[in-house]
Amino acid sequence: TLNKQIKAEKNLIAATEKDIFLYRQMGASYLCIASKAEVDFSKGLGIASATFANVIIGKHGGAIKELGNQKLDDKRIYNAGVFQIVGSALNICPESIPKDIKNDYEKRLKQLIKQNNK
C-alpha cells in the first residue's frame, strides 16, 4: 500500500494558473452563497479556504506550477486561499465582505505589489 501511495504521489501534477483560478472562484462562490445564507463570515471563509487547500494538497500534492517544484505546506496554501478567495469575492459579491476584511485585503495587496516592484 505504501508503495502504491508513493507511486501515486509521483504522478501528481502541480496546480496550474487555470487550476488555481477554478479553485479560487469556487471558494469565492461558496463564500458569497454562504454569506447570503447568513452563515457566519469567518466560518464560511474558513470552510472555503480549507477546501481550496485540500484540493491543492490532494490533487496536486501541494505543488503550484508557478512556484516550481516547491511544495507548500498546508498552512501556506490555506492562507493563500483566504487571500485569493476574499479577492475574488470582492468582485463577485462585494456587499457580502465585511469592511474590516476588505480593508485588510487591500492593505495586504498593496504590500504584495510593493514587494514585487522591488
PDB file of N, CA and C in Angstrom:
ATOM      1  N   THR A   1       0.826  -1.196   0.000  1.00  0.00           N
ATOM      2  CA  THR A   1       0.000   0.000   0.000  1.00  0.00           C
ATOM      3  C   THR A   1       0.865   1.253   0.000  1.00  0.00           C
ATOM      4  N   LEU A   2       1.911   1.257   0.824  1.00  0.00           N
ATOM      5  CA  LEU A   2       2.804   2.403   0.884  1.00  0.00           C
ATOM      6  C   LEU A   2       3.462   2.639  -0.467  1.00  0.00           C
ATOM      7  N   ASN A   3       3.857   1.566  -1.127  1.00  0.00           N
ATOM      8  CA  ASN A   3       4.497   1.673  -2.439  1.00  0.00           C
ATOM      9  C   ASN A   3       3.542   2.294  -3.457  1.00  0.00           C
ATOM     10  N   LYS A   4       2.267   1.901  -3.421  1.00  0.00           N
ATOM     11  CA  LYS A   4       1.270   2.476  -4.334  1.00  0.00           C
ATOM     12  C   LYS A   4       1.079   3.957  -4.051  1.00  0.00           C
ATOM     13  N   GLN A   5       1.076   4.330  -2.772  1.00  0.00           N
ATOM     14  CA  GLN A   5       0.904   5.732  -2.394  1.00  0.00           C
ATOM     15  C   GLN A   5       2.072   6.571  -2.907  1.00  0.00           C
ATOM     16  N   ILE A   6       3.286   6.075  -2.742  1.00  0.00           N
ATOM     17  CA  ILE A   6       4.461   6.802  -3.210  1.00  0.00           C
ATOM     18  C   ILE A   6       4.410   6.953  -4.730  1.00  0.00           C
ATOM     19  N   LYS A   7       4.031   5.893  -5.425  1.00  0.00           N
ATOM     20  CA  LYS A   7       3.916   5.948  -6.878  1.00  0.00           C
ATOM     21  C   LYS A   7       2.845   6.965  -7.287  1.00  0.00           C
ATOM     22  N   ALA A   8       1.727   6.974  -6.592  1.00  0.00           N
ATOM     23  CA  ALA A   8       0.650   7.921  -6.899  1.00  0.00           C
ATOM     24  C   ALA A   8       1.115   9.354  -6.675  1.00  0.00           C
ATOM     25  N   GLU A   9       1.889   9.581  -5.609  1.00  0.00           N
ATOM     26  CA  GLU A   9       2.376  10.926  -5.324  1.00  0.00           C
ATOM     27  C   GLU A   9       3.310  11.430  -6.423  1.00  0.00           C
ATOM     28  N   LYS A  10       4.046  10.530  -7.051  1.00  0.00           N
ATOM     29  CA  LYS A  10       4.942  10.919  -8.129  1.00  0.00           C
ATOM     30  C   LYS A  10       4.168  11.363  -9.366  1.00  0.00           C
ATOM     31  N   ASN A  11       2.929  10.879  -9.502  1.00  0.00           N
ATOM     32  CA  ASN A  11       2.108  11.205 -10.665  1.00  0.00           C
ATOM     33  C   ASN A  11       1.327  12.504 -10.489  1.00  0.00           C
ATOM     34  N   LEU A  12       1.421  13.122  -9.333  1.00  0.00           N
ATOM     35  CA  LEU A  12       0.700  14.369  -9.111  1.00  0.00           C
ATOM     36  C   LEU A  12       1.298  15.474  -9.969  1.00  0.00           C
ATOM     37  N   ILE A  13       0.442  16.284 -10.524  1.00  0.00           N
ATOM     38  CA  ILE A  13       0.869  17.381 -11.377  1.00  0.00           C
ATOM     39  C   ILE A  13       0.599  18.688 -10.637  1.00  0.00           C
ATOM     40  N   ALA A  14       1.582  19.572 -10.637  1.00  0.00           N
ATOM     41  CA  ALA A  14       1.438  20.863  -9.955  1.00  0.00           C
ATOM     42  C   ALA A  14       0.225  21.612 -10.491  1.00  0.00           C
ATOM     43  N   ALA A  15      -0.432  22.337  -9.614  1.00  0.00           N
ATOM     44  CA  ALA A  15      -1.594  23.133  -9.996  1.00  0.00           C
ATOM     45  C   ALA A  15      -1.164  24.264 -10.931  1.00  0.00           C
ATOM     46  N   THR A  16      -1.871  24.392 -12.022  1.00  0.00           N
ATOM     47  CA  THR A  16      -1.589  25.454 -12.986  1.00  0.00           C
ATOM     48  C   THR A  16      -2.364  26.713 -12.596  1.00  0.00           C
ATOM     49  N   GLU A  17      -2.087  27.802 -13.292  1.00  0.00           N
ATOM     50  CA  GLU A  17      -2.848  29.041 -13.060  1.00  0.00           C
ATOM     51  C   GLU A  17      -4.334  28.798 -13.287  1.00  0.00           C
ATOM     52  N   LYS A  18      -4.645  28.003 -14.293  1.00  0.00           N
ATOM     53  CA  LYS A  18      -6.040  27.679 -14.609  1.00  0.00           C
ATOM     54  C   LYS A  18      -6.692  26.907 -13.453  1.00  0.00           C
ATOM     55  N   ASP A  19      -5.948  25.956 -12.881  1.00  0.00           N
ATOM     56  CA  ASP A  19      -6.452  25.202 -11.727  1.00  0.00           C
ATOM     57  C   ASP A  19      -6.720  26.134 -10.551  1.00  0.00           C
ATOM     58  N   ILE A  20      -5.738  26.974 -10.237  1.00  0.00           N
ATOM     59  CA  ILE A  20      -5.860  27.889  -9.101  1.00  0.00           C
ATOM     60  C   ILE A  20      -7.044  28.827  -9.310  1.00  0.00           C
ATOM     61  N   PHE A  21      -7.202  29.322 -10.532  1.00  0.00           N
ATOM     62  CA  PHE A  21      -8.327  30.203 -10.846  1.00  0.00           C
ATOM     63  C   PHE A  21      -9.648  29.492 -10.557  1.00  0.00           C
ATOM     64  N   LEU A  22      -9.781  28.237 -11.004  1.00  0.00           N
ATOM     65  CA  LEU A  22     -11.002  27.471 -10.772  1.00  0.00           C
ATOM     66  C   LEU A  22     -11.278  27.290  -9.282  1.00  0.00           C
ATOM     67  N   TYR A  23     -10.255  26.865  -8.524  1.00  0.00           N
ATOM     68  CA  TYR A  23     -10.442  26.616  -7.094  1.00  0.00           C
ATOM     69  C   TYR A  23     -10.772  27.911  -6.351  1.00  0.00           C
ATOM     70  N   ARG A  24     -10.117  29.003  -6.748  1.00  0.00           N
ATOM     71  CA  ARG A  24     -10.373  30.306  -6.126  1.00  0.00           C
ATOM     72  C   ARG A  24     -11.803  30.756  -6.401  1.00  0.00           C
ATOM     73  N   GLN A  25     -12.253  30.618  -7.637  1.00  0.00           N
ATOM     74  CA  GLN A  25     -13.606  31.046  -7.991  1.00  0.00           C
ATOM     75  C   GLN A  25     -14.656  30.192  -7.288  1.00  0.00           C
ATOM     76  N   MET A  26     -14.383  28.902  -7.158  1.00  0.00           N
ATOM     77  CA  MET A  26     -15.312  28.034  -6.443  1.00  0.00           C
ATOM     78  C   MET A  26     -15.399  28.447  -4.975  1.00  0.00           C
ATOM     79  N   GLY A  27     -14.251  28.753  -4.385  1.00  0.00           N
ATOM     80  CA  GLY A  27     -14.235  29.200  -2.990  1.00  0.00           C
ATOM     81  C   GLY A  27     -14.966  30.518  -2.818  1.00  0.00           C
ATOM     82  N   ALA A  28     -14.758  31.448  -3.737  1.00  0.00           N
ATOM     83  CA  ALA A  28     -15.428  32.750  -3.664  1.00  0.00           C
ATOM     84  C   ALA A  28     -16.933  32.585  -3.846  1.00  0.00           C
ATOM     85  N   SER A  29     -17.332  31.732  -4.764  1.00  0.00           N
ATOM     86  CA  SER A  29     -18.754  31.473  -4.978  1.00  0.00           C
ATOM     87  C   SER A  29     -19.385  30.900  -3.711  1.00  0.00           C
ATOM     88  N   TYR A  30     -18.710  29.934  -3.103  1.00  0.00           N
ATOM     89  CA  TYR A  30     -19.198  29.356  -1.850  1.00  0.00           C
ATOM     90  C   TYR A  30     -19.332  30.438  -0.787  1.00  0.00           C
ATOM     91  N   LEU A  31     -18.297  31.270  -0.664  1.00  0.00           N
ATOM     92  CA  LEU A  31     -18.313  32.322   0.353  1.00  0.00           C
ATOM     93  C   LEU A  31     -19.478  33.280   0.137  1.00  0.00           C
ATOM     94  N   CYS A  32     -19.724  33.663  -1.097  1.00  0.00           N
ATOM     95  CA  CYS A  32     -20.827  34.580  -1.400  1.00  0.00           C
ATOM     96  C   CYS A  32     -22.185  33.946  -1.079  1.00  0.00           C
ATOM     97  N   ILE A  33     -22.339  32.692  -1.468  1.00  0.00           N
ATOM     98  CA  ILE A  33     -23.604  31.991  -1.193  1.00  0.00           C
ATOM     99  C   ILE A  33     -23.794  31.827   0.307  1.00  0.00           C
ATOM    100  N   ALA A  34     -22.731  31.436   1.010  1.00  0.00           N
ATOM    101  CA  ALA A  34     -22.814  31.253   2.462  1.00  0.00           C
ATOM    102  C   ALA A  34     -23.156  32.569   3.157  1.00  0.00           C
ATOM    103  N   SER A  35     -22.534  33.660   2.714  1.00  0.00           N
ATOM    104  CA  SER A  35     -22.808  34.967   3.323  1.00  0.00           C
ATOM    105  C   SER A  35     -24.257  35.379   3.126  1.00  0.00           C
ATOM    106  N   LYS A  36     -24.767  35.143   1.929  1.00  0.00           N
ATOM    107  CA  LYS A  36     -26.167  35.488   1.645  1.00  0.00           C
ATOM    108  C   LYS A  36     -27.138  34.606   2.426  1.00  0.00           C
ATOM    109  N   ALA A  37     -26.689  33.405   2.787  1.00  0.00           N
ATOM    110  CA  ALA A  37     -27.496  32.497   3.595  1.00  0.00           C
ATOM    111  C   ALA A  37     -27.303  32.761   5.085  1.00  0.00           C
ATOM    112  N   GLU A  38     -26.618  33.845   5.395  1.00  0.00           N
ATOM    113  CA  GLU A  38     -26.374  34.296   6.765  1.00  0.00           C
ATOM    114  C   GLU A  38     -25.499  33.343   7.584  1.00  0.00           C
ATOM    115  N   VAL A  39     -24.612  32.612   6.900  1.00  0.00           N
ATOM    116  CA  VAL A  39     -23.602  31.808   7.590  1.00  0.00           C
ATOM    117  C   VAL A  39     -22.559  32.794   8.104  1.00  0.00           C
ATOM    118  N   ASP A  40     -22.072  32.572   9.302  1.00  0.00           N
ATOM    119  CA  ASP A  40     -21.035  33.425   9.865  1.00  0.00           C
ATOM    120  C   ASP A  40     -19.897  33.569   8.862  1.00  0.00           C
ATOM    121  N   PHE A  41     -19.485  34.804   8.577  1.00  0.00           N
ATOM    122  CA  PHE A  41     -18.483  35.066   7.549  1.00  0.00           C
ATOM    123  C   PHE A  41     -17.183  34.312   7.809  1.00  0.00           C
ATOM    124  N   SER A  42     -16.691  34.349   9.028  1.00  0.00           N
ATOM    125  CA  SER A  42     -15.427  33.665   9.348  1.00  0.00           C
ATOM    126  C   SER A  42     -15.517  32.163   9.102  1.00  0.00           C
ATOM    127  N   LYS A  43     -16.651  31.575   9.461  1.00  0.00           N
ATOM    128  CA  LYS A  43     -16.827  30.140   9.231  1.00  0.00           C
ATOM    129  C   LYS A  43     -16.881  29.837   7.737  1.00  0.00           C
ATOM    130  N   GLY A  44     -17.622  30.634   6.991  1.00  0.00           N
ATOM    131  CA  GLY A  44     -17.717  30.430   5.548  1.00  0.00           C
ATOM    132  C   GLY A  44     -16.367  30.558   4.868  1.00  0.00           C
ATOM    133  N   LEU A  45     -15.607  31.589   5.263  1.00  0.00           N
ATOM    134  CA  LEU A  45     -14.283  31.790   4.686  1.00  0.00           C
ATOM    135  C   LEU A  45     -13.340  30.648   5.079  1.00  0.00           C
ATOM    136  N   GLY A  46     -13.446  30.198   6.305  1.00  0.00           N
ATOM    137  CA  GLY A  46     -12.614  29.083   6.766  1.00  0.00           C
ATOM    138  C   GLY A  46     -12.890  27.803   5.988  1.00  0.00           C
ATOM    139  N   ILE A  47     -14.160  27.517   5.753  1.00  0.00           N
ATOM    140  CA  ILE A  47     -14.526  26.314   5.002  1.00  0.00           C
ATOM    141  C   ILE A  47     -14.064  26.435   3.550  1.00  0.00           C
ATOM    142  N   ALA A  48     -14.295  27.587   2.942  1.00  0.00           N
ATOM    143  CA  ALA A  48     -13.880  27.795   1.544  1.00  0.00           C
ATOM    144  C   ALA A  48     -12.365  27.669   1.409  1.00  0.00           C
ATOM    145  N   SER A  49     -11.628  28.245   2.345  1.00  0.00           N
ATOM    146  CA  SER A  49     -10.160  28.219   2.294  1.00  0.00           C
ATOM    147  C   SER A  49      -9.612  26.826   2.572  1.00  0.00           C
ATOM    148  N   ALA A  50     -10.234  26.119   3.502  1.00  0.00           N
ATOM    149  CA  ALA A  50      -9.806  24.746   3.791  1.00  0.00           C
ATOM    150  C   ALA A  50     -10.050  23.847   2.583  1.00  0.00           C
ATOM    151  N   THR A  51     -11.162  24.049   1.906  1.00  0.00           N
ATOM    152  CA  THR A  51     -11.461  23.269   0.704  1.00  0.00           C
ATOM    153  C   THR A  51     -10.444  23.582  -0.391  1.00  0.00           C
ATOM    154  N   PHE A  52     -10.138  24.860  -0.585  1.00  0.00           N
ATOM    155  CA  PHE A  52      -9.123  25.298  -1.547  1.00  0.00           C
ATOM    156  C   PHE A  52      -7.809  24.572  -1.272  1.00  0.00           C
ATOM    157  N   ALA A  53      -7.377  24.596  -0.013  1.00  0.00           N
ATOM    158  CA  ALA A  53      -6.112  23.961   0.375  1.00  0.00           C
ATOM    159  C   ALA A  53      -6.171  22.448   0.190  1.00  0.00           C
ATOM    160  N   ASN A  54      -7.276  21.827   0.605  1.00  0.00           N
ATOM    161  CA  ASN A  54      -7.398  20.375   0.497  1.00  0.00           C
ATOM    162  C   ASN A  54      -7.321  19.889  -0.945  1.00  0.00           C
ATOM    163  N   VAL A  55      -7.911  20.634  -1.860  1.00  0.00           N
ATOM    164  CA  VAL A  55      -7.869  20.237  -3.267  1.00  0.00           C
ATOM    165  C   VAL A  55      -6.435  20.345  -3.806  1.00  0.00           C
ATOM    166  N   ILE A  56      -5.764  21.424  -3.474  1.00  0.00           N
ATOM    167  CA  ILE A  56      -4.388  21.594  -3.959  1.00  0.00           C
ATOM    168  C   ILE A  56      -3.465  20.531  -3.355  1.00  0.00           C
ATOM    169  N   ILE A  57      -3.670  20.213  -2.109  1.00  0.00           N
ATOM    170  CA  ILE A  57      -2.847  19.193  -1.458  1.00  0.00           C
ATOM    171  C   ILE A  57      -3.197  17.802  -1.995  1.00  0.00           C
ATOM    172  N   GLY A  58      -4.489  17.503  -2.071  1.00  0.00           N
ATOM    173  CA  GLY A  58      -4.918  16.178  -2.510  1.00  0.00           C
ATOM    174  C   GLY A  58      -4.679  15.904  -3.980  1.00  0.00           C
ATOM    175  N   LYS A  59      -4.971  16.855  -4.819  1.00  0.00           N
ATOM    176  CA  LYS A  59      -4.873  16.642  -6.265  1.00  0.00           C
ATOM    177  C   LYS A  59      -3.491  16.976  -6.824  1.00  0.00           C
ATOM    178  N   HIS A  60      -2.800  17.913  -6.176  1.00  0.00           N
ATOM    179  CA  HIS A  60      -1.530  18.392  -6.726  1.00  0.00           C
ATOM    180  C   HIS A  60      -0.349  18.213  -5.769  1.00  0.00           C
ATOM    181  N   GLY A  61      -0.578  17.560  -4.646  1.00  0.00           N
ATOM    182  CA  GLY A  61       0.498  17.306  -3.697  1.00  0.00           C
ATOM    183  C   GLY A  61       1.061  18.566  -3.061  1.00  0.00           C
ATOM    184  N   GLY A  62       0.300  19.658  -3.102  1.00  0.00           N
ATOM    185  CA  GLY A  62       0.761  20.916  -2.516  1.00  0.00           C
ATOM    186  C   GLY A  62       1.669  21.713  -3.438  1.00  0.00           C
ATOM    187  N   ALA A  63       1.810  21.258  -4.682  1.00  0.00           N
ATOM    188  CA  ALA A  63       2.694  21.939  -5.631  1.00  0.00           C
ATOM    189  C   ALA A  63       1.903  22.875  -6.547  1.00  0.00           C
ATOM    190  N   ILE A  64       2.475  24.044  -6.781  1.00  0.00           N
ATOM    191  CA  ILE A  64       1.883  25.030  -7.667  1.00  0.00           C
ATOM    192  C   ILE A  64       2.916  25.326  -8.752  1.00  0.00           C
ATOM    193  N   LYS A  65       2.521  25.125  -9.998  1.00  0.00           N
ATOM    194  CA  LYS A  65       3.445  25.219 -11.129  1.00  0.00           C
ATOM    195  C   LYS A  65       4.220  26.533 -11.141  1.00  0.00           C
ATOM    196  N   GLU A  66       3.545  27.622 -10.861  1.00  0.00           N
ATOM    197  CA  GLU A  66       4.162  28.949 -10.885  1.00  0.00           C
ATOM    198  C   GLU A  66       5.332  29.057  -9.909  1.00  0.00           C
ATOM    199  N   LEU A  67       5.318  28.227  -8.860  1.00  0.00           N
ATOM    200  CA  LEU A  67       6.371  28.262  -7.844  1.00  0.00           C
ATOM    201  C   LEU A  67       7.449  27.212  -8.070  1.00  0.00           C
ATOM    202  N   GLY A  68       7.383  26.504  -9.173  1.00  0.00           N
ATOM    203  CA  GLY A  68       8.383  25.487  -9.464  1.00  0.00           C
ATOM    204  C   GLY A  68       8.084  24.190  -8.742  1.00  0.00           C
ATOM    205  N   ASN A  69       9.120  23.496  -8.311  1.00  0.00           N
ATOM    206  CA  ASN A  69       8.949  22.186  -7.674  1.00  0.00           C
ATOM    207  C   ASN A  69       8.673  22.269  -6.184  1.00  0.00           C
ATOM    208  N   GLN A  70       8.690  23.465  -5.640  1.00  0.00           N
ATOM    209  CA  GLN A  70       8.486  23.636  -4.198  1.00  0.00           C
ATOM    210  C   GLN A  70       7.050  23.272  -3.818  1.00  0.00           C
ATOM    211  N   LYS A  71       6.933  22.398  -2.826  1.00  0.00           N
ATOM    212  CA  LYS A  71       5.616  22.041  -2.306  1.00  0.00           C
ATOM    213  C   LYS A  71       5.338  22.915  -1.092  1.00  0.00           C
ATOM    214  N   LEU A  72       4.169  23.508  -1.067  1.00  0.00           N
ATOM    215  CA  LEU A  72       3.795  24.376   0.042  1.00  0.00           C
ATOM    216  C   LEU A  72       3.143  23.556   1.142  1.00  0.00           C
ATOM    217  N   ASP A  73       3.334  23.990   2.377  1.00  0.00           N
ATOM    218  CA  ASP A  73       2.685  23.283   3.472  1.00  0.00           C
ATOM    219  C   ASP A  73       1.218  23.709   3.567  1.00  0.00           C
ATOM    220  N   ASP A  74       0.454  22.955   4.334  1.00  0.00           N
ATOM    221  CA  ASP A  74      -0.989  23.166   4.454  1.00  0.00           C
ATOM    222  C   ASP A  74      -1.335  24.603   4.852  1.00  0.00           C
ATOM    223  N   LYS A  75      -0.599  25.129   5.824  1.00  0.00           N
ATOM    224  CA  LYS A  75      -0.901  26.460   6.348  1.00  0.00           C
ATOM    225  C   LYS A  75      -0.702  27.545   5.287  1.00  0.00           C
ATOM    226  N   ARG A  76       0.389  27.440   4.526  1.00  0.00           N
ATOM    227  CA  ARG A  76       0.646  28.447   3.477  1.00  0.00           C
ATOM    228  C   ARG A  76      -0.420  28.388   2.389  1.00  0.00           C
ATOM    229  N   ILE A  77      -0.828  27.180   2.029  1.00  0.00           N
ATOM    230  CA  ILE A  77      -1.861  27.046   0.999  1.00  0.00           C
ATOM    231  C   ILE A  77      -3.189  27.580   1.532  1.00  0.00           C
ATOM    232  N   TYR A  78      -3.506  27.275   2.775  1.00  0.00           N
ATOM    233  CA  TYR A  78      -4.741  27.775   3.390  1.00  0.00           C
ATOM    234  C   TYR A  78      -4.736  29.309   3.401  1.00  0.00           C
ATOM    235  N   ASN A  79      -3.637  29.896   3.860  1.00  0.00           N
ATOM    236  CA  ASN A  79      -3.551  31.362   3.921  1.00  0.00           C
ATOM    237  C   ASN A  79      -3.633  31.990   2.535  1.00  0.00           C
ATOM    238  N   ALA A  80      -3.010  31.353   1.553  1.00  0.00           N
ATOM    239  CA  ALA A  80      -3.109  31.849   0.173  1.00  0.00           C
ATOM    240  C   ALA A  80      -4.558  31.763  -0.295  1.00  0.00           C
ATOM    241  N   GLY A  81      -5.236  30.699   0.099  1.00  0.00           N
ATOM    242  CA  GLY A  81      -6.653  30.545  -0.249  1.00  0.00           C
ATOM    243  C   GLY A  81      -7.504  31.643   0.342  1.00  0.00           C
ATOM    244  N   VAL A  82      -7.267  31.961   1.603  1.00  0.00           N
ATOM    245  CA  VAL A  82      -8.010  33.043   2.255  1.00  0.00           C
ATOM    246  C   VAL A  82      -7.861  34.327   1.440  1.00  0.00           C
ATOM    247  N   PHE A  83      -6.627  34.675   1.130  1.00  0.00           N
ATOM    248  CA  PHE A  83      -6.343  35.913   0.411  1.00  0.00           C
ATOM    249  C   PHE A  83      -6.995  35.904  -0.975  1.00  0.00           C
ATOM    250  N   GLN A  84      -6.809  34.821  -1.705  1.00  0.00           N
ATOM    251  CA  GLN A  84      -7.335  34.757  -3.067  1.00  0.00           C
ATOM    252  C   GLN A  84      -8.858  34.703  -3.100  1.00  0.00           C
ATOM    253  N   ILE A  85      -9.445  33.985  -2.188  1.00  0.00           N
ATOM    254  CA  ILE A  85     -10.902  33.869  -2.151  1.00  0.00           C
ATOM    255  C   ILE A  85     -11.538  35.205  -1.796  1.00  0.00           C
ATOM    256  N   VAL A  86     -10.977  35.907  -0.823  1.00  0.00           N
ATOM    257  CA  VAL A  86     -11.510  37.234  -0.476  1.00  0.00           C
ATOM    258  C   VAL A  86     -11.393  38.163  -1.680  1.00  0.00           C
ATOM    259  N   GLY A  87     -10.255  38.132  -2.360  1.00  0.00           N
ATOM    260  CA  GLY A  87     -10.070  38.980  -3.537  1.00  0.00           C
ATOM    261  C   GLY A  87     -11.112  38.716  -4.604  1.00  0.00           C
ATOM    262  N   SER A  88     -11.381  37.458  -4.879  1.00  0.00           N
ATOM    263  CA  SER A  88     -12.396  37.119  -5.881  1.00  0.00           C
ATOM    264  C   SER A  88     -13.795  37.458  -5.399  1.00  0.00           C
ATOM    265  N   ALA A  89     -14.059  37.204  -4.131  1.00  0.00           N
ATOM    266  CA  ALA A  89     -15.391  37.510  -3.587  1.00  0.00           C
ATOM    267  C   ALA A  89     -15.669  39.010  -3.626  1.00  0.00           C
ATOM    268  N   LEU A  90     -14.629  39.814  -3.493  1.00  0.00           N
ATOM    269  CA  LEU A  90     -14.823  41.266  -3.598  1.00  0.00           C
ATOM    270  C   LEU A  90     -15.319  41.664  -4.983  1.00  0.00           C
ATOM    271  N   ASN A  91     -15.004  40.862  -5.998  1.00  0.00           N
ATOM    272  CA  ASN A  91     -15.506  41.117  -7.345  1.00  0.00           C
ATOM    273  C   ASN A  91     -16.903  40.541  -7.561  1.00  0.00           C
ATOM    274  N   ILE A  92     -17.189  39.419  -6.913  1.00  0.00           N
ATOM    275  CA  ILE A  92     -18.461  38.726  -7.120  1.00  0.00           C
ATOM    276  C   ILE A  92     -19.578  39.284  -6.233  1.00  0.00           C
ATOM    277  N   CYS A  93     -19.265  39.479  -4.959  1.00  0.00           N
ATOM    278  CA  CYS A  93     -20.302  39.912  -4.005  1.00  0.00           C
ATOM    279  C   CYS A  93     -19.706  40.892  -2.988  1.00  0.00           C
ATOM    280  N   PRO A  94     -19.271  42.053  -3.454  1.00  0.00           N
ATOM    281  CA  PRO A  94     -18.594  42.987  -2.544  1.00  0.00           C
ATOM    282  C   PRO A  94     -19.435  43.365  -1.322  1.00  0.00           C
ATOM    283  N   GLU A  95     -20.736  43.354  -1.468  1.00  0.00           N
ATOM    284  CA  GLU A  95     -21.616  43.710  -0.350  1.00  0.00           C
ATOM    285  C   GLU A  95     -21.585  42.674   0.778  1.00  0.00           C
ATOM    286  N   SER A  96     -21.094  41.482   0.487  1.00  0.00           N
ATOM    287  CA  SER A  96     -21.046  40.408   1.488  1.00  0.00           C
ATOM    288  C   SER A  96     -19.750  40.377   2.277  1.00  0.00           C
ATOM    289  N   ILE A  97     -18.776  41.203   1.894  1.00  0.00           N
ATOM    290  CA  ILE A  97     -17.473  41.191   2.554  1.00  0.00           C
ATOM    291  C   ILE A  97     -17.438  42.279   3.621  1.00  0.00           C
ATOM    292  N   PRO A  98     -17.199  41.889   4.878  1.00  0.00           N
ATOM    293  CA  PRO A  98     -17.119  42.896   5.949  1.00  0.00           C
ATOM    294  C   PRO A  98     -16.035  43.935   5.649  1.00  0.00           C
ATOM    295  N   LYS A  99     -16.298  45.158   6.055  1.00  0.00           N
ATOM    296  CA  LYS A  99     -15.389  46.276   5.762  1.00  0.00           C
ATOM    297  C   LYS A  99     -13.972  46.026   6.278  1.00  0.00           C
ATOM    298  N   ASP A 100     -13.846  45.476   7.485  1.00  0.00           N
ATOM    299  CA  ASP A 100     -12.508  45.234   8.034  1.00  0.00           C
ATOM    300  C   ASP A 100     -11.745  44.187   7.216  1.00  0.00           C
ATOM    301  N   ILE A 101     -12.447  43.191   6.696  1.00  0.00           N
ATOM    302  CA  ILE A 101     -11.824  42.166   5.855  1.00  0.00           C
ATOM    303  C   ILE A 101     -11.383  42.794   4.537  1.00  0.00           C
ATOM    304  N   LYS A 102     -12.236  43.638   3.970  1.00  0.00           N
ATOM    305  CA  LYS A 102     -11.905  44.339   2.726  1.00  0.00           C
ATOM    306  C   LYS A 102     -10.673  45.224   2.936  1.00  0.00           C
ATOM    307  N   ASN A 103     -10.650  45.966   4.027  1.00  0.00           N
ATOM    308  CA  ASN A 103      -9.514  46.847   4.316  1.00  0.00           C
ATOM    309  C   ASN A 103      -8.221  46.057   4.514  1.00  0.00           C
ATOM    310  N   ASP A 104      -8.289  44.936   5.239  1.00  0.00           N
ATOM    311  CA  ASP A 104      -7.116  44.082   5.440  1.00  0.00           C
ATOM    312  C   ASP A 104      -6.617  43.528   4.108  1.00  0.00           C
ATOM    313  N   TYR A 105      -7.554  43.119   3.255  1.00  0.00           N
ATOM    314  CA  TYR A 105      -7.188  42.589   1.943  1.00  0.00           C
ATOM    315  C   TYR A 105      -6.465  43.660   1.123  1.00  0.00           C
ATOM    316  N   GLU A 106      -7.039  44.850   1.069  1.00  0.00           N
ATOM    317  CA  GLU A 106      -6.446  45.931   0.269  1.00  0.00           C
ATOM    318  C   GLU A 106      -5.070  46.330   0.791  1.00  0.00           C
ATOM    319  N   LYS A 107      -4.911  46.335   2.102  1.00  0.00           N
ATOM    320  CA  LYS A 107      -3.614  46.653   2.708  1.00  0.00           C
ATOM    321  C   LYS A 107      -2.581  45.602   2.323  1.00  0.00           C
ATOM    322  N   ARG A 108      -2.958  44.326   2.418  1.00  0.00           N
ATOM    323  CA  ARG A 108      -2.044  43.227   2.076  1.00  0.00           C
ATOM    324  C   ARG A 108      -1.711  43.248   0.589  1.00  0.00           C
ATOM    325  N   LEU A 109      -2.701  43.545  -0.243  1.00  0.00           N
ATOM    326  CA  LEU A 109      -2.477  43.609  -1.684  1.00  0.00           C
ATOM    327  C   LEU A 109      -1.459  44.698  -2.024  1.00  0.00           C
ATOM    328  N   LYS A 110      -1.584  45.855  -1.384  1.00  0.00           N
ATOM    329  CA  LYS A 110      -0.627  46.944  -1.612  1.00  0.00           C
ATOM    330  C   LYS A 110       0.775  46.525  -1.197  1.00  0.00           C
ATOM    331  N   GLN A 111       0.889  45.809  -0.076  1.00  0.00           N
ATOM    332  CA  GLN A 111       2.193  45.323   0.384  1.00  0.00           C
ATOM    333  C   GLN A 111       2.804  44.359  -0.626  1.00  0.00           C
ATOM    334  N   LEU A 112       1.990  43.456  -1.152  1.00  0.00           N
ATOM    335  CA  LEU A 112       2.488  42.490  -2.133  1.00  0.00           C
ATOM    336  C   LEU A 112       2.929  43.177  -3.416  1.00  0.00           C
ATOM    337  N   ILE A 113       2.165  44.148  -3.859  1.00  0.00           N
ATOM    338  CA  ILE A 113       2.530  44.896  -5.072  1.00  0.00           C
ATOM    339  C   ILE A 113       3.845  45.622  -4.848  1.00  0.00           C
ATOM    340  N   LYS A 114       3.987  46.235  -3.683  1.00  0.00           N
ATOM    341  CA  LYS A 114       5.212  46.961  -3.350  1.00  0.00           C
ATOM    342  C   LYS A 114       6.403  45.997  -3.325  1.00  0.00           C
ATOM    343  N   GLN A 115       6.242  44.824  -2.741  1.00  0.00           N
ATOM    344  CA  GLN A 115       7.312  43.814  -2.675  1.00  0.00           C
ATOM    345  C   GLN A 115       7.706  43.351  -4.064  1.00  0.00           C
ATOM    346  N   ASN A 116       6.735  43.150  -4.931  1.00  0.00           N
ATOM    347  CA  ASN A 116       7.004  42.653  -6.282  1.00  0.00           C
ATOM    348  C   ASN A 116       7.675  43.711  -7.168  1.00  0.00           C
ATOM    349  N   ASN A 117       7.494  44.972  -6.831  1.00  0.00           N
ATOM    350  CA  ASN A 117       8.101  46.047  -7.621  1.00  0.00           C
ATOM    351  C   ASN A 117       9.550  46.324  -7.242  1.00  0.00           C
ATOM    352  N   LYS A 118      10.015  45.714  -6.164  1.00  0.00           N
ATOM    353  CA  LYS A 118      11.404  45.940  -5.720  1.00  0.00           C
ATOM    354  C   LYS A 118      12.384  45.196  -6.560  1.00  0.00           C
TER     355      LYS A 118
END
